[in-house]
Amino acid sequence: MSPWAPDRSAYVGVFYEYYRAADRASATVQPEHSREIVDGSRGIPEFDVVVTKWIDPEVVLGQLVAFAGHVDYSLGLVETVGLYPPPESAPRSDEEWDALPEGSPYLEGPGIMELSAEARDMLAGVDDARLPVLAEQWAAIEEFSHFTADEDGYILSLTKDLVGLARRAREHDQQLYCWMSL
């Protein structure tokens, strides 16, 4: 297995699942469950999903979006809106945070956020001929410096998957979402 590829049984860390949905209500159906359908028996919709590890939306994916859009990277380039746990119900004081029960999604996740249409469109607009160069640029970011060389082409494959997901979302007038879990 590639050191880049997600393997939930072998590594500890944060998992990010990027997926597309028609709207926020559809995107947040059964938010406590992974968006990746393995056996189809959980009763949640089947999402078009790309499963990653360590590829957070704001920093790591944000740099891919910057390369894709030929813009300078800055924190906040990929604007996100937190959908789950519901921000309007979030604790507002230290006392409320301290009173949260063990297992609360505000403490442990999972979380769902919506990515901006601009980020989706920058990824979707990448020409196929640029994908290898884009993947090479992305593989060279500081956040990936602790990985071994990408000899098996995982970063190129992931780049193609994320760009493809963004294209399908744009084609179907959908948004991109990120489900994350520890």
C-alpha atoms as a PDB file:
ATOM      1  CA  MET A   1       0.000   0.000   0.000  1.00  0.00           C
ATOM      2  CA  SER A   2       1.205   3.468  -0.840  1.00  0.00           C
ATOM      3  CA  PRO A   3       2.212   5.612   2.149  1.00  0.00           C
ATOM      4  CA  TRP A   4      -0.090   8.234   0.606  1.00  0.00           C
ATOM      5  CA  ALA A   5      -3.185   6.042   0.366  1.00  0.00           C
ATOM      6  CA  PRO A   6      -5.783   5.936   3.120  1.00  0.00           C
ATOM      7  CA  ASP A   7      -5.962   2.674   5.028  1.00  0.00           C
ATOM      8  CA  ARG A   8      -8.198   3.091   8.047  1.00  0.00           C
ATOM      9  CA  SER A   9      -6.887  -0.004   9.784  1.00  0.00           C
ATOM     10  CA  ALA A  10      -3.199   0.802   9.578  1.00  0.00           C
ATOM     11  CA  TYR A  11      -2.939   4.513  10.382  1.00  0.00           C
ATOM     12  CA  VAL A  12      -4.219   6.922  12.960  1.00  0.00           C
ATOM     13  CA  GLY A  13      -5.172  10.358  11.734  1.00  0.00           C
ATOM     14  CA  VAL A  14      -7.884  12.474  10.232  1.00  0.00           C
ATOM     15  CA  PHE A  15      -9.788  11.209   7.215  1.00  0.00           C
ATOM     16  CA  TYR A  16     -11.375  13.541   4.710  1.00  0.00           C
ATOM     17  CA  GLU A  17     -14.007  12.360   2.279  1.00  0.00           C
ATOM     18  CA  TYR A  18     -14.786  14.757  -0.542  1.00  0.00           C
ATOM     19  CA  TYR A  19     -18.134  14.239  -2.207  1.00  0.00           C
ATOM     20  CA  ARG A  20     -20.791  16.001  -4.222  1.00  0.00           C
ATOM     21  CA  ALA A  21     -24.429  16.560  -3.392  1.00  0.00           C
ATOM     22  CA  ALA A  22     -27.334  18.562  -4.761  1.00  0.00           C
ATOM     23  CA  ASP A  23     -27.824  20.629  -1.618  1.00  0.00           C
ATOM     24  CA  ARG A  24     -26.978  20.936   2.053  1.00  0.00           C
ATOM     25  CA  ALA A  25     -29.875  18.761   3.172  1.00  0.00           C
ATOM     26  CA  SER A  26     -28.714  15.924   0.920  1.00  0.00           C
ATOM     27  CA  ALA A  27     -25.098  16.410   1.960  1.00  0.00           C
ATOM     28  CA  THR A  28     -25.879  16.063   5.656  1.00  0.00           C
ATOM     29  CA  VAL A  29     -28.099  12.960   5.617  1.00  0.00           C
ATOM     30  CA  GLN A  30     -26.950  10.724   8.490  1.00  0.00           C
ATOM     31  CA  PRO A  31     -23.914  12.904   9.190  1.00  0.00           C
ATOM     32  CA  GLU A  32     -22.431  10.492  11.710  1.00  0.00           C
ATOM     33  CA  HIS A  33     -21.713   7.984   8.929  1.00  0.00           C
ATOM     34  CA  SER A  34     -18.874   7.959   6.435  1.00  0.00           C
ATOM     35  CA  ARG A  35     -19.859   9.094   2.973  1.00  0.00           C
ATOM     36  CA  GLU A  36     -18.063   6.082   1.518  1.00  0.00           C
ATOM     37  CA  ILE A  37     -20.532   3.253   1.023  1.00  0.00           C
ATOM     38  CA  VAL A  38     -18.842  -0.082   1.405  1.00  0.00           C
ATOM     39  CA  ASP A  39     -21.726  -2.503   1.756  1.00  0.00           C
ATOM     40  CA  GLY A  40     -24.780  -0.405   0.842  1.00  0.00           C
ATOM     41  CA  SER A  41     -26.679  -1.510   3.924  1.00  0.00           C
ATOM     42  CA  ARG A  42     -26.606   1.635   6.061  1.00  0.00           C
ATOM     43  CA  GLY A  43     -29.533   3.322   4.360  1.00  0.00           C
ATOM     44  CA  ILE A  44     -27.721   6.498   3.341  1.00  0.00           C
ATOM     45  CA  PRO A  45     -27.467   7.740  -0.220  1.00  0.00           C
ATOM     46  CA  GLU A  46     -24.575   6.599  -2.322  1.00  0.00           C
ATOM     47  CA  PHE A  47     -22.304   9.562  -2.780  1.00  0.00           C
ATOM     48  CA  ASP A  48     -19.709  10.103  -5.472  1.00  0.00           C
ATOM     49  CA  VAL A  49     -16.780  10.276  -3.048  1.00  0.00           C
ATOM     50  CA  VAL A  50     -12.994  10.587  -2.979  1.00  0.00           C
ATOM     51  CA  VAL A  51     -11.507   9.271   0.274  1.00  0.00           C
ATOM     52  CA  THR A  52      -8.279  10.880   1.480  1.00  0.00           C
ATOM     53  CA  LYS A  53      -6.124  11.150   4.550  1.00  0.00           C
ATOM     54  CA  TRP A  54      -4.330  14.343   5.590  1.00  0.00           C
ATOM     55  CA  ILE A  55      -5.898  16.322   2.721  1.00  0.00           C
ATOM     56  CA  ASP A  56      -7.729  18.994   4.671  1.00  0.00           C
ATOM     57  CA  PRO A  57      -9.810  21.480   2.675  1.00  0.00           C
ATOM     58  CA  GLU A  58      -8.217  24.713   3.804  1.00  0.00           C
ATOM     59  CA  VAL A  59      -4.474  24.060   3.652  1.00  0.00           C
ATOM     60  CA  VAL A  60      -3.591  20.973   1.618  1.00  0.00           C
ATOM     61  CA  LEU A  61      -6.519  20.995  -0.817  1.00  0.00           C
ATOM     62  CA  GLY A  62      -6.304  24.772  -0.822  1.00  0.00           C
ATOM     63  CA  GLN A  63      -2.842  24.574  -2.324  1.00  0.00           C
ATOM     64  CA  LEU A  64      -4.072  22.231  -5.070  1.00  0.00           C
ATOM     65  CA  VAL A  65      -6.877  24.694  -5.802  1.00  0.00           C
ATOM     66  CA  ALA A  66      -4.353  27.548  -5.979  1.00  0.00           C
ATOM     67  CA  PHE A  67      -2.176  25.628  -8.447  1.00  0.00           C
ATOM     68  CA  ALA A  68      -5.263  24.676 -10.468  1.00  0.00           C
ATOM     69  CA  GLY A  69      -6.521  28.262 -10.618  1.00  0.00           C
ATOM     70  CA  HIS A  70      -3.110  29.864 -11.203  1.00  0.00           C
ATOM     71  CA  VAL A  71      -3.552  32.006  -8.097  1.00  0.00           C
ATOM     72  CA  ASP A  72      -1.447  32.571  -5.012  1.00  0.00           C
ATOM     73  CA  TYR A  73      -2.333  30.341  -2.102  1.00  0.00           C
ATOM     74  CA  SER A  74      -3.687  31.961   1.017  1.00  0.00           C
ATOM     75  CA  LEU A  75      -5.496  30.541   3.998  1.00  0.00           C
ATOM     76  CA  GLY A  76      -9.166  31.007   3.220  1.00  0.00           C
ATOM     77  CA  LEU A  77      -8.767  30.512  -0.527  1.00  0.00           C
ATOM     78  CA  VAL A  78     -11.091  27.531  -0.218  1.00  0.00           C
ATOM     79  CA  GLU A  79     -13.996  29.075   1.607  1.00  0.00           C
ATOM     80  CA  THR A  80     -15.962  26.603   3.683  1.00  0.00           C
ATOM     81  CA  VAL A  81     -19.238  26.627   5.553  1.00  0.00           C
ATOM     82  CA  GLY A  82     -19.575  24.305   8.525  1.00  0.00           C
ATOM     83  CA  LEU A  83     -22.796  22.309   8.311  1.00  0.00           C
ATOM     84  CA  TYR A  84     -22.391  19.566  10.908  1.00  0.00           C
ATOM     85  CA  PRO A  85     -22.390  19.613  13.800  1.00  0.00           C
ATOM     86  CA  PRO A  86     -24.842  22.489  13.403  1.00  0.00           C
ATOM     87  CA  PRO A  87     -22.992  25.743  14.093  1.00  0.00           C
ATOM     88  CA  GLU A  88     -26.136  27.374  15.476  1.00  0.00           C
ATOM     89  CA  SER A  89     -26.227  24.777  18.281  1.00  0.00           C
ATOM     90  CA  ALA A  90     -22.530  24.989  19.137  1.00  0.00           C
ATOM     91  CA  PRO A  91     -21.565  25.793  22.717  1.00  0.00           C
ATOM     92  CA  ARG A  92     -21.017  29.490  23.247  1.00  0.00           C
ATOM     93  CA  SER A  93     -19.213  29.544  26.571  1.00  0.00           C
ATOM     94  CA  ASP A  94     -16.531  27.588  28.384  1.00  0.00           C
ATOM     95  CA  GLU A  95     -19.210  26.246  30.709  1.00  0.00           C
ATOM     96  CA  GLU A  96     -21.274  24.950  27.783  1.00  0.00           C
ATOM     97  CA  TRP A  97     -18.173  23.319  26.260  1.00  0.00           C
ATOM     98  CA  ASP A  98     -17.320  21.688  29.587  1.00  0.00           C
ATOM     99  CA  ALA A  99     -20.882  20.371  29.901  1.00  0.00           C
ATOM    100  CA  LEU A 100     -20.852  18.537  26.564  1.00  0.00           C
ATOM    101  CA  PRO A 101     -21.297  14.785  26.955  1.00  0.00           C
ATOM    102  CA  GLU A 102     -18.565  12.369  25.962  1.00  0.00           C
ATOM    103  CA  GLY A 103     -18.935  11.483  22.298  1.00  0.00           C
ATOM    104  CA  SER A 104     -20.454  14.836  21.335  1.00  0.00           C
ATOM    105  CA  PRO A 105     -19.761  15.642  17.678  1.00  0.00           C
ATOM    106  CA  TYR A 106     -18.630  19.100  18.803  1.00  0.00           C
ATOM    107  CA  LEU A 107     -15.775  17.393  20.645  1.00  0.00           C
ATOM    108  CA  GLU A 108     -15.012  14.347  18.518  1.00  0.00           C
ATOM    109  CA  GLY A 109     -16.647  14.818  15.127  1.00  0.00           C
ATOM    110  CA  PRO A 110     -17.468  13.866  12.536  1.00  0.00           C
ATOM    111  CA  GLY A 111     -17.866  17.136  10.731  1.00  0.00           C
ATOM    112  CA  ILE A 112     -19.250  18.203   7.378  1.00  0.00           C
ATOM    113  CA  MET A 113     -18.421  21.365   5.506  1.00  0.00           C
ATOM    114  CA  GLU A 114     -19.437  22.791   2.162  1.00  0.00           C
ATOM    115  CA  LEU A 115     -16.680  24.037  -0.143  1.00  0.00           C
ATOM    116  CA  SER A 116     -17.132  27.160  -2.212  1.00  0.00           C
ATOM    117  CA  ALA A 117     -18.296  27.043  -5.820  1.00  0.00           C
ATOM    118  CA  GLU A 118     -15.139  28.982  -6.716  1.00  0.00           C
ATOM    119  CA  ALA A 119     -12.906  26.184  -5.400  1.00  0.00           C
ATOM    120  CA  ARG A 120     -15.016  23.605  -7.249  1.00  0.00           C
ATOM    121  CA  ASP A 121     -14.759  25.585 -10.478  1.00  0.00           C
ATOM    122  CA  MET A 122     -10.995  26.109 -10.234  1.00  0.00           C
ATOM    123  CA  LEU A 123     -10.493  22.363  -9.886  1.00  0.00           C
ATOM    124  CA  ALA A 124     -13.061  21.537 -12.558  1.00  0.00           C
ATOM    125  CA  GLY A 125     -11.418  23.915 -15.017  1.00  0.00           C
ATOM    126  CA  VAL A 126      -8.066  22.128 -15.138  1.00  0.00           C
ATOM    127  CA  ASP A 127      -7.195  20.838 -18.593  1.00  0.00           C
ATOM    128  CA  ASP A 128      -6.369  17.107 -18.701  1.00  0.00           C
ATOM    129  CA  ALA A 129      -2.969  17.850 -20.222  1.00  0.00           C
ATOM    130  CA  ARG A 130      -2.060  19.863 -17.098  1.00  0.00           C
ATOM    131  CA  LEU A 131      -2.891  17.113 -14.599  1.00  0.00           C
ATOM    132  CA  PRO A 132       0.625  15.574 -14.367  1.00  0.00           C
ATOM    133  CA  VAL A 133       2.251  18.981 -13.806  1.00  0.00           C
ATOM    134  CA  LEU A 134      -0.443  19.935 -11.316  1.00  0.00           C
ATOM    135  CA  ALA A 135       0.128  16.708  -9.370  1.00  0.00           C
ATOM    136  CA  GLU A 136       3.886  17.292  -9.401  1.00  0.00           C
ATOM    137  CA  GLN A 137       3.456  20.825  -8.036  1.00  0.00           C
ATOM    138  CA  TRP A 138       1.092  19.599  -5.337  1.00  0.00           C
ATOM    139  CA  ALA A 139       3.349  16.693  -4.317  1.00  0.00           C
ATOM    140  CA  ALA A 140       6.128  19.224  -3.637  1.00  0.00           C
ATOM    141  CA  ILE A 141       4.256  21.200  -0.956  1.00  0.00           C
ATOM    142  CA  GLU A 142       5.690  21.290   2.543  1.00  0.00           C
ATOM    143  CA  GLU A 143       2.785  19.319   4.016  1.00  0.00           C
ATOM    144  CA  PHE A 144       3.806  16.305   1.908  1.00  0.00           C
ATOM    145  CA  SER A 145       7.531  16.554   2.693  1.00  0.00           C
ATOM    146  CA  HIS A 146       7.429  13.698   5.226  1.00  0.00           C
ATOM    147  CA  PHE A 147       6.198  11.191   2.633  1.00  0.00           C
ATOM    148  CA  THR A 148       8.417   9.060   0.464  1.00  0.00           C
ATOM    149  CA  ALA A 149       8.611   9.684  -3.269  1.00  0.00           C
ATOM    150  CA  ASP A 150       5.345   9.195  -5.090  1.00  0.00           C
ATOM    151  CA  GLU A 151       6.696   6.374  -7.226  1.00  0.00           C
ATOM    152  CA  ASP A 152       3.359   4.605  -7.512  1.00  0.00           C
ATOM    153  CA  GLY A 153       1.582   7.697  -8.857  1.00  0.00           C
ATOM    154  CA  TYR A 154      -0.831   8.091  -5.972  1.00  0.00           C
ATOM    155  CA  ILE A 155      -0.755  11.905  -6.022  1.00  0.00           C
ATOM    156  CA  LEU A 156      -1.463  11.977  -9.760  1.00  0.00           C
ATOM    157  CA  SER A 157      -4.330   9.534  -9.249  1.00  0.00           C
ATOM    158  CA  LEU A 158      -5.699  11.590  -6.348  1.00  0.00           C
ATOM    159  CA  THR A 159      -5.379  14.791  -8.378  1.00  0.00           C
ATOM    160  CA  LYS A 160      -7.325  13.207 -11.237  1.00  0.00           C
ATOM    161  CA  ASP A 161      -9.966  11.928  -8.806  1.00  0.00           C
ATOM    162  CA  LEU A 162     -10.465  15.328  -7.145  1.00  0.00           C
ATOM    163  CA  VAL A 163     -10.558  17.192 -10.457  1.00  0.00           C
ATOM    164  CA  GLY A 164     -13.002  14.613 -11.834  1.00  0.00           C
ATOM    165  CA  LEU A 165     -15.229  14.947  -8.769  1.00  0.00           C
ATOM    166  CA  ALA A 166     -15.240  18.748  -9.167  1.00  0.00           C
ATOM    167  CA  ARG A 167     -16.121  18.410 -12.858  1.00  0.00           C
ATOM    168  CA  ARG A 168     -19.025  16.063 -12.128  1.00  0.00           C
ATOM    169  CA  ALA A 169     -20.275  18.391  -9.386  1.00  0.00           C
ATOM    170  CA  ARG A 170     -20.182  21.376 -11.753  1.00  0.00           C
ATOM    171  CA  GLU A 171     -21.847  19.402 -14.572  1.00  0.00           C
ATOM    172  CA  HIS A 172     -24.730  18.452 -12.256  1.00  0.00           C
ATOM    173  CA  ASP A 173     -24.948  21.911 -10.641  1.00  0.00           C
ATOM    174  CA  GLN A 174     -23.873  20.443  -7.298  1.00  0.00           C
ATOM    175  CA  GLN A 175     -21.538  21.582  -4.564  1.00  0.00           C
ATOM    176  CA  LEU A 176     -18.516  19.842  -3.120  1.00  0.00           C
ATOM    177  CA  TYR A 177     -18.602  18.778   0.513  1.00  0.00           C
ATOM    178  CA  CYS A 178     -16.049  17.391   2.912  1.00  0.00           C
ATOM    179  CA  TRP A 179     -16.889  14.847   5.613  1.00  0.00           C
ATOM    180  CA  MET A 180     -14.109  14.483   8.157  1.00  0.00           C
ATOM    181  CA  SER A 181     -13.474  12.106  10.982  1.00  0.00           C
ATOM    182  CA  LEU A 182     -10.696  11.172  13.361  1.00  0.00           C
END
